[in-house]
Every structure is written in C-alpha cells, then in structure tokens.
C-alpha atoms as a PDB file:
ATOM      1  CA  MET A   1     -64.484 -59.943  19.575  1.00  0.00           C
ATOM      2  CA  GLY A   2     -65.780 -57.554  22.262  1.00  0.00           C
ATOM      3  CA  LYS A   3     -62.290 -56.201  22.876  1.00  0.00           C
ATOM      4  CA  GLN A   4     -61.828 -55.493  19.158  1.00  0.00           C
ATOM      5  CA  LEU A   5     -65.146 -53.629  19.005  1.00  0.00           C
ATOM      6  CA  PHE A   6     -64.096 -51.551  22.004  1.00  0.00           C
ATOM      7  CA  PHE A   7     -60.768 -50.686  20.354  1.00  0.00           C
ATOM      8  CA  LEU A   8     -62.600 -49.869  17.105  1.00  0.00           C
ATOM      9  CA  ALA A   9     -64.863 -47.433  18.981  1.00  0.00           C
ATOM     10  CA  VAL A  10     -61.863 -45.831  20.696  1.00  0.00           C
ATOM     11  CA  LEU A  11     -60.058 -45.648  17.326  1.00  0.00           C
ATOM     12  CA  SER A  12     -63.055 -43.804  15.877  1.00  0.00           C
ATOM     13  CA  LEU A  13     -63.050 -41.415  18.828  1.00  0.00           C
ATOM     14  CA  PHE A  14     -59.353 -40.625  18.420  1.00  0.00           C
ATOM     15  CA  CYS A  15     -59.763 -40.134  14.671  1.00  0.00           C
ATOM     16  CA  ALA A  16     -62.625 -37.714  15.313  1.00  0.00           C
ATOM     17  CA  LEU A  17     -60.542 -35.839  17.904  1.00  0.00           C
ATOM     18  CA  GLY A  18     -57.922 -35.337  15.199  1.00  0.00           C
ATOM     19  CA  GLU A  19     -60.292 -32.894  13.542  1.00  0.00           C
ATOM     20  CA  PHE A  20     -59.314 -30.350  16.201  1.00  0.00           C
ATOM     21  CA  ILE A  21     -55.859 -30.236  14.619  1.00  0.00           C
ATOM     22  CA  ILE A  22     -57.239 -29.165  11.276  1.00  0.00           C
ATOM     23  CA  MET A  23     -60.185 -27.064  12.420  1.00  0.00           C
ATOM     24  CA  GLU A  24     -60.010 -23.453  11.443  1.00  0.00           C
ATOM     25  CA  SER A  25     -60.957 -20.595  13.686  1.00  0.00           C
ATOM     26  CA  GLU A  26     -63.745 -18.357  12.466  1.00  0.00           C
ATOM     27  CA  GLU A  27     -61.954 -15.439  14.078  1.00  0.00           C
ATOM     28  CA  ARG A  28     -58.753 -15.827  12.114  1.00  0.00           C
ATOM     29  CA  GLN A  29     -57.783 -16.211   8.473  1.00  0.00           C
ATOM     30  CA  TYR A  30     -55.034 -18.802   7.940  1.00  0.00           C
ATOM     31  CA  SER A  31     -52.376 -18.565   5.260  1.00  0.00           C
ATOM     32  CA  LYS A  32     -51.963 -21.361   2.713  1.00  0.00           C
ATOM     33  CA  LYS A  33     -48.743 -22.361   4.452  1.00  0.00           C
ATOM     34  CA  GLU A  34     -50.504 -22.669   7.814  1.00  0.00           C
ATOM     35  CA  ILE A  35     -53.299 -24.733   6.260  1.00  0.00           C
ATOM     36  CA  ILE A  36     -50.799 -27.077   4.604  1.00  0.00           C
ATOM     37  CA  ILE A  37     -48.954 -27.479   7.920  1.00  0.00           C
ATOM     38  CA  ARG A  38     -52.252 -28.283   9.680  1.00  0.00           C
ATOM     39  CA  PHE A  39     -53.119 -30.876   7.031  1.00  0.00           C
ATOM     40  CA  PHE A  40     -49.634 -32.396   7.360  1.00  0.00           C
ATOM     41  CA  PHE A  41     -49.907 -32.747  11.157  1.00  0.00           C
ATOM     42  CA  HIS A  42     -53.447 -34.087  10.822  1.00  0.00           C
ATOM     43  CA  TYR A  43     -52.202 -36.681   8.322  1.00  0.00           C
ATOM     44  CA  LEU A  44     -49.360 -37.717  10.656  1.00  0.00           C
ATOM     45  CA  TYR A  45     -51.772 -37.912  13.565  1.00  0.00           C
ATOM     46  CA  MET A  46     -54.172 -40.131  11.603  1.00  0.00           C
ATOM     47  CA  ASN A  47     -51.299 -42.442  10.621  1.00  0.00           C
ATOM     48  CA  LEU A  48     -50.135 -42.781  14.211  1.00  0.00           C
ATOM     49  CA  VAL A  49     -53.646 -43.449  15.517  1.00  0.00           C
ATOM     50  CA  VAL A  50     -54.494 -46.057  12.880  1.00  0.00           C
ATOM     51  CA  LEU A  51     -51.096 -47.773  13.182  1.00  0.00           C
ATOM     52  CA  PHE A  52     -51.240 -47.823  16.984  1.00  0.00           C
ATOM     53  CA  PHE A  53     -54.750 -49.243  17.167  1.00  0.00           C
ATOM     54  CA  GLY A  54     -54.174 -51.577  14.216  1.00  0.00           C
ATOM     55  CA  ILE A  55     -51.218 -53.116  16.028  1.00  0.00           C
ATOM     56  CA  LYS A  56     -53.102 -53.147  19.342  1.00  0.00           C
ATOM     57  CA  ILE A  57     -56.146 -54.846  17.779  1.00  0.00           C
ATOM     58  CA  GLY A  58     -53.946 -57.276  15.867  1.00  0.00           C
ATOM     59  CA  TRP A  59     -54.805 -56.229  12.311  1.00  0.00           C
ATOM     60  CA  PHE A  60     -51.089 -56.297  11.523  1.00  0.00           C
ATOM     61  CA  THR A  61     -47.751 -56.546  13.284  1.00  0.00           C
ATOM     62  CA  ILE A  62     -45.110 -53.893  13.566  1.00  0.00           C
ATOM     63  CA  LEU A  63     -42.481 -56.386  12.388  1.00  0.00           C
ATOM     64  CA  ASN A  64     -44.111 -56.897   8.987  1.00  0.00           C
ATOM     65  CA  ARG A  65     -42.917 -53.940   6.923  1.00  0.00           C
ATOM     66  CA  LEU A  66     -45.065 -54.932   3.940  1.00  0.00           C
ATOM     67  CA  GLU A  67     -48.250 -54.771   6.035  1.00  0.00           C
ATOM     68  CA  ILE A  68     -47.229 -51.415   7.504  1.00  0.00           C
ATOM     69  CA  GLY A  69     -46.405 -50.109   4.032  1.00  0.00           C
ATOM     70  CA  ILE A  70     -49.763 -51.255   2.646  1.00  0.00           C
ATOM     71  CA  VAL A  71     -51.606 -49.625   5.548  1.00  0.00           C
ATOM     72  CA  LEU A  72     -49.681 -46.365   5.048  1.00  0.00           C
ATOM     73  CA  VAL A  73     -50.522 -46.359   1.324  1.00  0.00           C
ATOM     74  CA  MET A  74     -54.189 -47.069   2.082  1.00  0.00           C
ATOM     75  CA  ILE A  75     -54.295 -44.220   4.616  1.00  0.00           C
ATOM     76  CA  ALA A  76     -52.654 -41.865   2.100  1.00  0.00           C
ATOM     77  CA  ILE A  77     -55.143 -42.759  -0.650  1.00  0.00           C
ATOM     78  CA  ILE A  78     -58.164 -42.440   1.643  1.00  0.00           C
ATOM     79  CA  TYR A  79     -56.852 -39.171   3.076  1.00  0.00           C
ATOM     80  CA  LEU A  80     -56.251 -37.760  -0.403  1.00  0.00           C
ATOM     81  CA  ILE A  81     -59.740 -38.752  -1.583  1.00  0.00           C
ATOM     82  CA  ASN A  82     -61.220 -37.131   1.521  1.00  0.00           C
ATOM     83  CA  VAL A  83     -59.249 -33.899   1.022  1.00  0.00           C
ATOM     84  CA  ILE A  84     -60.234 -33.689  -2.657  1.00  0.00           C
ATOM     85  CA  ALA A  85     -63.905 -34.369  -1.890  1.00  0.00           C
ATOM     86  CA  SER A  86     -63.911 -31.778   0.906  1.00  0.00           C
ATOM     87  CA  TYR A  87     -62.250 -29.216  -1.351  1.00  0.00           C
ATOM     88  CA  ALA A  88     -64.790 -29.839  -4.124  1.00  0.00           C
ATOM     89  CA  ARG A  89     -67.684 -29.536  -1.664  1.00  0.00           C
ATOM     90  CA  ASP A  90     -66.297 -26.336  -0.140  1.00  0.00           C
ATOM     91  CA  LYS A  91     -65.621 -24.826  -3.563  1.00  0.00           C
ATOM     92  CA  SER A  92     -69.172 -25.613  -4.703  1.00  0.00           C
ATOM     93  CA  LEU A  93     -70.602 -24.126  -1.512  1.00  0.00           C
ATOM     94  CA  ALA A  94     -68.504 -20.966  -1.932  1.00  0.00           C
ATOM     95  CA  GLU A  95     -69.701 -20.576  -5.541  1.00  0.00           C
ATOM     96  CA  LYS A  96     -73.334 -20.936  -4.465  1.00  0.00           C
ATOM     97  CA  MET A  97     -72.858 -18.397  -1.691  1.00  0.00           C
ATOM     98  CA  ASN A  98     -71.216 -15.947  -4.106  1.00  0.00           C
ATOM     99  CA  GLN A  99     -74.079 -16.365  -6.576  1.00  0.00           C
ATOM    100  CA  LYS A 100     -76.624 -15.658  -3.845  1.00  0.00           C
ATOM    101  CA  LEU A 101     -74.650 -12.601  -2.734  1.00  0.00           C
ATOM    102  CA  LEU A 102     -74.528 -11.304  -6.312  1.00  0.00           C
ATOM    103  CA  HIS A 103     -78.252 -11.892  -6.658  1.00  0.00           C
ATOM    104  CA  LEU A 104     -78.936  -9.992  -3.418  1.00  0.00           C
ATOM    105  CA  GLU A 105     -76.602  -7.208  -4.502  1.00  0.00           C
ATOM    106  CA  ASN A 106     -78.431  -6.913  -7.853  1.00  0.00           C
ATOM    107  CA  GLN A 107     -81.761  -6.746  -6.066  1.00  0.00           C
ATOM    108  CA  GLN A 108     -80.457  -3.990  -3.812  1.00  0.00           C
ATOM    109  CA  GLU A 109     -79.263  -1.996  -6.837  1.00  0.00           C
ATOM    110  CA  MET A 110     -82.660  -2.264  -8.511  1.00  0.00           C
ATOM    111  CA  LYS A 111     -84.430  -0.731  -5.512  1.00  0.00           C
END
C-alpha cells in the first residue's frame, strides 16, 4: 500500500510537470497551429505518464488490450472535459476584462 501511494504521488508530480509543455510564454503570441501542437504533445505525454505508472502500480497490465483501451478512452474524455472547462473559464475571464476595459475607456472619455 505504501509503495502504491508513493507511485501515486510521483504520478501526480509528473502530470503536473506536463503543464510546462502546454504553458504559454507571456512574451510571445502563439498561433492556433502551435497551440494545437502543444495540446497534442501534452495529451500524448499525459497518456504515457498514466499508462507507465498504471502498469507500474499494477492498475492494469500491458497485455490486456481492453484495459489499455478503456484507460485511453477515460484519459481522452477527462482531457477533453478539462480543455473545454479551461476554455470556458478563459473566455469568461477575457469577456470580463474587456468589459472592464470598455468601462475604463468610457470613464476616460467623459473626463
């Protein structure tokens, strides 16, 4: 049980480190193509990490294609939900920021 908890903590660490793949630089504007490529590599990275640690921990075996397939589908669904939720949050934040900027701009015009 202790070994599994250790591997779970290391799995979490490696998943968190994967964010560096997708992080955007504040100094540079990325094209849609570059963003899609980053998301693709991040998705592949997450699959490899979860599969590696899942096999290492003993959640499933590499020989059972059904288990691997189910895990890959679960990762895809969770990843998609996360991307959609992040997009919705970012879009909402951008709209709020634009509204505040318009409000400030209107106040400046009135003075």
